[in-house]
Amino acid sequence: MLVLSRKPNESIMIGNDVEVKIVEVKGDYVKLGITAPKAIPVHRKEIYEAIQRENIQATKTSITDLAQLDDIFKKKEIKHKDNNKK
């Protein structure tokens, strides 16, 4: 881990596109400003970890879930064909 000391209004650069600026230091809290391209998601770590847990949970699909999904698509396909006949 790289540890850097910075004062308010000083920054660090991560690569060419991400700037982390010390906005304010108040007691035990540090406010950071992060400038990054829109394509790079920026989250607090606890939010990032929650997103990861949700993504893992979403991949745990049971066979019955897939069968139910297949039934839904088949019903919609039949309904779509019936509507096109009219």
C-alpha atoms as a PDB file:
ATOM      1  CA  MET A   1       0.000   0.000   0.000  1.00  0.00           C
ATOM      2  CA  LEU A   2       1.258   3.434  -0.904  1.00  0.00           C
ATOM      3  CA  VAL A   3       0.718   5.975   1.888  1.00  0.00           C
ATOM      4  CA  LEU A   4       0.866   9.662   1.011  1.00  0.00           C
ATOM      5  CA  SER A   5       0.498  12.775   3.135  1.00  0.00           C
ATOM      6  CA  ARG A   6      -1.554  15.594   1.650  1.00  0.00           C
ATOM      7  CA  LYS A   7      -2.886  18.894   2.916  1.00  0.00           C
ATOM      8  CA  PRO A   8      -6.282  20.424   2.078  1.00  0.00           C
ATOM      9  CA  ASN A   9      -6.543  21.406  -1.597  1.00  0.00           C
ATOM     10  CA  GLU A  10      -3.680  19.068  -2.547  1.00  0.00           C
ATOM     11  CA  SER A  11      -4.287  16.121  -4.850  1.00  0.00           C
ATOM     12  CA  ILE A  12      -2.939  12.828  -5.997  1.00  0.00           C
ATOM     13  CA  MET A  13      -3.316  11.391  -9.474  1.00  0.00           C
ATOM     14  CA  ILE A  14      -4.161   7.773 -10.206  1.00  0.00           C
ATOM     15  CA  GLY A  15      -3.113   7.088 -13.753  1.00  0.00           C
ATOM     16  CA  ASN A  16      -3.837   9.912 -16.170  1.00  0.00           C
ATOM     17  CA  ASP A  17      -7.566  10.178 -15.540  1.00  0.00           C
ATOM     18  CA  VAL A  18      -8.337   9.978 -11.810  1.00  0.00           C
ATOM     19  CA  GLU A  19      -7.654  12.820  -9.404  1.00  0.00           C
ATOM     20  CA  VAL A  20      -8.238  12.508  -5.655  1.00  0.00           C
ATOM     21  CA  LYS A  21      -8.266  15.880  -3.909  1.00  0.00           C
ATOM     22  CA  ILE A  22      -8.297  16.599  -0.176  1.00  0.00           C
ATOM     23  CA  VAL A  23     -11.267  18.941   0.152  1.00  0.00           C
ATOM     24  CA  GLU A  24     -11.418  19.320   3.926  1.00  0.00           C
ATOM     25  CA  VAL A  25      -9.976  17.861   7.118  1.00  0.00           C
ATOM     26  CA  LYS A  26     -12.171  18.146  10.223  1.00  0.00           C
ATOM     27  CA  GLY A  27     -11.261  16.175  13.324  1.00  0.00           C
ATOM     28  CA  ASP A  28     -11.272  12.468  12.422  1.00  0.00           C
ATOM     29  CA  TYR A  29     -12.900  13.059   9.019  1.00  0.00           C
ATOM     30  CA  VAL A  30     -11.348  13.786   5.659  1.00  0.00           C
ATOM     31  CA  LYS A  31     -13.496  14.928   2.739  1.00  0.00           C
ATOM     32  CA  LEU A  32     -12.210  13.750  -0.606  1.00  0.00           C
ATOM     33  CA  GLY A  33     -13.120  15.006  -4.037  1.00  0.00           C
ATOM     34  CA  ILE A  34     -12.704  12.463  -6.822  1.00  0.00           C
ATOM     35  CA  THR A  35     -12.601  13.378 -10.476  1.00  0.00           C
ATOM     36  CA  ALA A  36     -12.787  10.380 -12.796  1.00  0.00           C
ATOM     37  CA  PRO A  37     -14.203   9.539 -16.225  1.00  0.00           C
ATOM     38  CA  LYS A  38     -17.846   8.445 -16.173  1.00  0.00           C
ATOM     39  CA  ALA A  39     -16.762   4.988 -17.340  1.00  0.00           C
ATOM     40  CA  ILE A  40     -14.939   4.435 -14.037  1.00  0.00           C
ATOM     41  CA  PRO A  41     -17.368   3.714 -11.208  1.00  0.00           C
ATOM     42  CA  VAL A  42     -16.508   5.371  -7.893  1.00  0.00           C
ATOM     43  CA  HIS A  43     -18.169   4.015  -4.739  1.00  0.00           C
ATOM     44  CA  ARG A  44     -17.582   4.011  -1.011  1.00  0.00           C
ATOM     45  CA  LYS A  45     -16.110   0.625  -0.140  1.00  0.00           C
ATOM     46  CA  GLU A  46     -19.187  -0.575   1.778  1.00  0.00           C
ATOM     47  CA  ILE A  47     -21.377   0.211  -1.254  1.00  0.00           C
ATOM     48  CA  TYR A  48     -18.923  -1.532  -3.592  1.00  0.00           C
ATOM     49  CA  GLU A  49     -18.982  -4.639  -1.373  1.00  0.00           C
ATOM     50  CA  ALA A  50     -22.799  -4.617  -1.294  1.00  0.00           C
ATOM     51  CA  ILE A  51     -22.890  -4.437  -5.102  1.00  0.00           C
ATOM     52  CA  GLN A  52     -20.480  -7.374  -5.300  1.00  0.00           C
ATOM     53  CA  ARG A  53     -22.650  -9.439  -2.909  1.00  0.00           C
ATOM     54  CA  GLU A  54     -25.753  -8.651  -4.967  1.00  0.00           C
ATOM     55  CA  ASN A  55     -23.980  -9.632  -8.190  1.00  0.00           C
ATOM     56  CA  ILE A  56     -22.894 -12.952  -6.682  1.00  0.00           C
ATOM     57  CA  GLN A  57     -26.429 -13.590  -5.398  1.00  0.00           C
ATOM     58  CA  ALA A  58     -27.850 -12.832  -8.853  1.00  0.00           C
ATOM     59  CA  THR A  59     -25.690 -15.557 -10.400  1.00  0.00           C
ATOM     60  CA  LYS A  60     -27.149 -18.194  -8.074  1.00  0.00           C
ATOM     61  CA  THR A  61     -30.109 -19.163 -10.236  1.00  0.00           C
ATOM     62  CA  SER A  62     -31.841 -22.460  -9.698  1.00  0.00           C
ATOM     63  CA  ILE A  63     -33.117 -24.737 -12.452  1.00  0.00           C
ATOM     64  CA  THR A  64     -36.701 -24.078 -11.352  1.00  0.00           C
ATOM     65  CA  ASP A  65     -36.114 -20.339 -11.745  1.00  0.00           C
ATOM     66  CA  LEU A  66     -34.913 -20.916 -15.301  1.00  0.00           C
ATOM     67  CA  ALA A  67     -37.880 -23.182 -16.053  1.00  0.00           C
ATOM     68  CA  GLN A  68     -40.278 -20.502 -14.787  1.00  0.00           C
ATOM     69  CA  LEU A  69     -38.510 -17.905 -16.903  1.00  0.00           C
ATOM     70  CA  ASP A  70     -38.783 -20.174 -19.945  1.00  0.00           C
ATOM     71  CA  ASP A  71     -42.539 -20.545 -19.335  1.00  0.00           C
ATOM     72  CA  ILE A  72     -42.947 -16.772 -19.129  1.00  0.00           C
ATOM     73  CA  PHE A  73     -41.135 -16.257 -22.444  1.00  0.00           C
ATOM     74  CA  LYS A  74     -43.158 -19.003 -24.136  1.00  0.00           C
ATOM     75  CA  LYS A  75     -46.428 -17.435 -22.954  1.00  0.00           C
ATOM     76  CA  LYS A  76     -45.340 -14.006 -24.200  1.00  0.00           C
ATOM     77  CA  GLU A  77     -44.284 -15.512 -27.539  1.00  0.00           C
ATOM     78  CA  ILE A  78     -47.678 -17.192 -27.984  1.00  0.00           C
ATOM     79  CA  LYS A  79     -49.486 -13.971 -27.011  1.00  0.00           C
ATOM     80  CA  HIS A  80     -47.327 -11.991 -29.462  1.00  0.00           C
ATOM     81  CA  LYS A  81     -48.136 -14.432 -32.287  1.00  0.00           C
ATOM     82  CA  ASP A  82     -51.858 -14.262 -31.472  1.00  0.00           C
ATOM     83  CA  ASN A  83     -51.801 -10.442 -31.537  1.00  0.00           C
ATOM     84  CA  ASN A  84     -50.055 -10.424 -34.920  1.00  0.00           C
ATOM     85  CA  LYS A  85     -52.748 -12.670 -36.439  1.00  0.00           C
ATOM     86  CA  LYS A  86     -55.460 -10.055 -35.769  1.00  0.00           C
END
